[in-house]
């Protein structure tokens, strides 16, 4: 059986107050974390290359075409 490729989730940073590892107007990959989402956070792979929790209010989720997702997957 073939596994379905799950669409990746990306977020546009709109705020980076006190966060040196985030750049405004940059798109970041979001990792699934239901517990964090319930508390109002997103798990983001930031500029350090590591994943950390950031307030959801710092981001706007964006839906990207598959081609853009692939391009970002290679770049991240």
N, C-alpha and C. Protein backbone atom coordinates (compact mmCIF):
# COMPACT_ATOMS: atom_id res chain seq x y z
N UNK A 1 0.82 -1.19 0.00
CA UNK A 1 0.00 0.00 0.00
C UNK A 1 0.86 1.25 0.00
N UNK A 2 0.47 2.21 -0.80
CA UNK A 2 1.18 3.49 -0.85
C UNK A 2 0.73 4.39 0.28
N UNK A 3 1.69 5.04 0.90
CA UNK A 3 1.35 6.03 1.92
C UNK A 3 0.99 7.34 1.23
N UNK A 4 -0.08 7.97 1.71
CA UNK A 4 -0.43 9.28 1.17
C UNK A 4 0.53 10.31 1.71
N UNK A 5 0.98 11.18 0.84
CA UNK A 5 1.83 12.28 1.28
C UNK A 5 0.95 13.32 1.94
N UNK A 6 1.19 13.56 3.21
CA UNK A 6 0.40 14.56 3.93
C UNK A 6 0.93 15.94 3.58
N UNK A 7 0.01 16.86 3.34
CA UNK A 7 0.44 18.22 3.03
C UNK A 7 1.13 18.83 4.23
N UNK A 8 2.19 19.52 3.95
CA UNK A 8 2.92 20.20 5.01
C UNK A 8 2.19 21.49 5.35
N UNK A 9 2.37 21.93 6.58
CA UNK A 9 1.74 23.16 7.04
C UNK A 9 2.82 24.22 7.17
N UNK A 10 2.53 25.42 6.67
CA UNK A 10 3.46 26.53 6.74
C UNK A 10 2.77 27.74 7.35
N UNK A 11 3.57 28.61 7.95
CA UNK A 11 3.03 29.81 8.58
C UNK A 11 3.90 31.01 8.23
N UNK A 12 3.24 32.12 8.01
CA UNK A 12 3.91 33.39 7.75
C UNK A 12 4.09 34.12 9.07
N UNK A 13 5.32 34.51 9.38
CA UNK A 13 5.59 35.24 10.62
C UNK A 13 5.14 36.70 10.46
N UNK A 14 4.29 37.15 11.37
CA UNK A 14 3.81 38.54 11.33
C UNK A 14 4.25 39.32 12.57
N UNK A 15 4.87 38.63 13.53
CA UNK A 15 5.36 39.26 14.76
C UNK A 15 6.54 38.45 15.28
N UNK A 16 7.54 39.13 15.83
CA UNK A 16 8.70 38.43 16.36
C UNK A 16 9.21 39.06 17.66
N UNK A 17 8.31 39.67 18.40
CA UNK A 17 8.68 40.37 19.64
C UNK A 17 9.48 39.46 20.57
N UNK A 18 10.68 39.90 20.92
CA UNK A 18 11.58 39.18 21.82
C UNK A 18 12.00 37.81 21.30
N UNK A 19 11.93 37.58 20.00
CA UNK A 19 12.32 36.29 19.41
C UNK A 19 13.38 36.52 18.33
N UNK A 20 14.63 36.34 18.70
CA UNK A 20 15.72 36.57 17.75
C UNK A 20 15.76 35.55 16.62
N UNK A 21 15.13 34.39 16.81
CA UNK A 21 15.19 33.34 15.80
C UNK A 21 13.99 33.33 14.85
N UNK A 22 13.25 34.44 14.80
CA UNK A 22 12.15 34.58 13.85
C UNK A 22 12.33 35.86 13.05
N UNK A 23 12.00 35.81 11.77
CA UNK A 23 12.04 37.00 10.92
C UNK A 23 10.62 37.29 10.43
N UNK A 24 10.20 38.54 10.58
CA UNK A 24 8.89 38.94 10.05
C UNK A 24 8.87 38.74 8.54
N UNK A 25 7.71 38.40 8.02
CA UNK A 25 7.45 38.21 6.60
C UNK A 25 8.16 36.99 6.01
N UNK A 26 8.61 36.08 6.86
CA UNK A 26 9.23 34.85 6.39
C UNK A 26 8.29 33.68 6.66
N UNK A 27 8.33 32.69 5.77
CA UNK A 27 7.49 31.51 5.92
C UNK A 27 8.28 30.42 6.64
N UNK A 28 7.62 29.81 7.64
CA UNK A 28 8.23 28.77 8.44
C UNK A 28 7.40 27.49 8.38
N UNK A 29 8.09 26.36 8.52
CA UNK A 29 7.40 25.07 8.57
C UNK A 29 6.84 24.87 9.97
N UNK A 30 5.60 24.37 10.02
CA UNK A 30 4.93 24.07 11.28
C UNK A 30 4.93 22.55 11.47
N UNK A 31 5.34 22.11 12.65
CA UNK A 31 5.29 20.69 12.98
C UNK A 31 4.03 20.41 13.80
N UNK A 32 3.41 19.26 13.58
CA UNK A 32 2.19 18.95 14.33
C UNK A 32 2.47 18.83 15.83
N UNK A 33 1.63 19.44 16.65
CA UNK A 33 1.74 19.36 18.10
C UNK A 33 0.39 19.78 18.68
N UNK A 34 -0.49 18.82 18.83
CA UNK A 34 -1.85 19.12 19.29
C UNK A 34 -1.88 19.75 20.68
N UNK A 35 -1.00 19.29 21.56
CA UNK A 35 -0.94 19.84 22.91
C UNK A 35 -0.58 21.31 22.90
N UNK A 36 0.39 21.67 22.08
CA UNK A 36 0.81 23.07 21.98
C UNK A 36 -0.32 23.92 21.41
N UNK A 37 -1.00 23.41 20.38
CA UNK A 37 -2.09 24.17 19.75
C UNK A 37 -3.21 24.45 20.74
N UNK A 38 -3.51 23.48 21.61
CA UNK A 38 -4.55 23.68 22.61
C UNK A 38 -4.19 24.80 23.58
N UNK A 39 -2.89 25.03 23.77
CA UNK A 39 -2.41 26.08 24.67
C UNK A 39 -2.15 27.40 23.95
N UNK A 40 -2.40 27.43 22.62
CA UNK A 40 -2.23 28.67 21.86
C UNK A 40 -0.85 28.86 21.26
N UNK A 41 -0.13 27.75 21.04
CA UNK A 41 1.21 27.82 20.47
C UNK A 41 1.32 26.98 19.21
N UNK A 42 2.33 27.30 18.41
CA UNK A 42 2.68 26.49 17.24
C UNK A 42 4.12 26.02 17.40
N UNK A 43 4.39 24.79 16.95
CA UNK A 43 5.76 24.29 16.95
C UNK A 43 6.37 24.62 15.58
N UNK A 44 7.33 25.54 15.59
CA UNK A 44 7.91 26.11 14.37
C UNK A 44 9.39 25.74 14.27
N UNK A 45 9.84 25.40 13.06
CA UNK A 45 11.27 25.27 12.83
C UNK A 45 11.77 26.67 12.51
N UNK A 46 12.55 27.23 13.45
CA UNK A 46 12.96 28.63 13.32
C UNK A 46 14.33 28.77 12.65
N UNK A 47 14.90 29.96 12.73
CA UNK A 47 16.18 30.26 12.08
C UNK A 47 17.34 29.43 12.63
N UNK A 48 17.21 28.91 13.84
CA UNK A 48 18.27 28.09 14.42
C UNK A 48 18.26 26.68 13.82
N UNK A 49 17.18 26.35 13.09
CA UNK A 49 17.05 25.03 12.51
C UNK A 49 16.40 24.03 13.46
N UNK A 50 16.08 24.48 14.66
CA UNK A 50 15.43 23.65 15.67
C UNK A 50 13.95 24.00 15.75
N UNK A 51 13.17 23.11 16.34
CA UNK A 51 11.75 23.43 16.51
C UNK A 51 11.50 23.90 17.94
N UNK A 52 10.74 24.99 18.03
CA UNK A 52 10.39 25.60 19.30
C UNK A 52 8.93 26.02 19.26
N UNK A 53 8.36 26.24 20.44
CA UNK A 53 6.99 26.72 20.53
C UNK A 53 6.97 28.24 20.51
N UNK A 54 6.06 28.78 19.70
CA UNK A 54 5.86 30.23 19.61
C UNK A 54 4.36 30.50 19.67
N UNK A 55 3.97 31.67 20.15
CA UNK A 55 2.55 32.01 20.19
C UNK A 55 1.92 31.97 18.79
N UNK A 56 0.73 31.40 18.70
CA UNK A 56 0.02 31.35 17.41
C UNK A 56 -0.20 32.74 16.84
N UNK A 57 -0.33 33.73 17.71
CA UNK A 57 -0.59 35.10 17.27
C UNK A 57 0.58 35.69 16.49
N UNK A 58 1.74 35.06 16.53
CA UNK A 58 2.91 35.53 15.78
C UNK A 58 2.84 35.11 14.31
N UNK A 59 1.85 34.27 13.95
CA UNK A 59 1.83 33.67 12.62
C UNK A 59 0.44 33.69 12.00
N UNK A 60 0.43 33.61 10.67
CA UNK A 60 -0.77 33.38 9.89
C UNK A 60 -0.49 32.11 9.10
N UNK A 61 -1.34 31.10 9.26
CA UNK A 61 -1.16 29.87 8.50
C UNK A 61 -1.43 30.15 7.03
N UNK A 62 -0.61 29.59 6.16
CA UNK A 62 -0.76 29.81 4.72
C UNK A 62 -0.86 28.46 4.02
N UNK A 63 -1.69 28.43 3.00
CA UNK A 63 -1.82 27.23 2.18
C UNK A 63 -1.05 27.48 0.89
N UNK A 64 -0.09 26.62 0.63
CA UNK A 64 0.78 26.80 -0.53
C UNK A 64 0.54 25.70 -1.56
N UNK A 65 0.72 26.04 -2.84
CA UNK A 65 0.63 25.00 -3.87
C UNK A 65 1.71 23.93 -3.62
N UNK A 66 1.47 22.72 -4.06
CA UNK A 66 2.40 21.61 -3.86
C UNK A 66 3.81 21.95 -4.34
N UNK A 67 3.92 22.65 -5.47
CA UNK A 67 5.25 23.00 -6.00
C UNK A 67 6.01 23.90 -5.02
N UNK A 68 5.30 24.84 -4.42
CA UNK A 68 5.93 25.73 -3.44
C UNK A 68 6.32 24.95 -2.19
N UNK A 69 5.47 24.02 -1.76
CA UNK A 69 5.79 23.19 -0.61
C UNK A 69 7.08 22.40 -0.85
N UNK A 70 7.19 21.82 -2.03
CA UNK A 70 8.39 21.05 -2.37
C UNK A 70 9.63 21.94 -2.38
N UNK A 71 9.51 23.13 -2.95
CA UNK A 71 10.64 24.06 -3.00
C UNK A 71 11.09 24.45 -1.59
N UNK A 72 10.13 24.70 -0.70
CA UNK A 72 10.46 25.04 0.67
C UNK A 72 11.01 23.86 1.44
N UNK A 73 10.51 22.67 1.17
CA UNK A 73 10.99 21.46 1.83
C UNK A 73 12.48 21.27 1.54
N UNK A 74 12.89 21.51 0.33
CA UNK A 74 14.29 21.37 -0.06
C UNK A 74 15.13 22.48 0.57
N UNK A 75 14.57 23.68 0.69
CA UNK A 75 15.32 24.82 1.20
C UNK A 75 15.46 24.81 2.72
N UNK A 76 14.56 24.12 3.41
CA UNK A 76 14.57 24.15 4.88
C UNK A 76 15.55 23.14 5.42
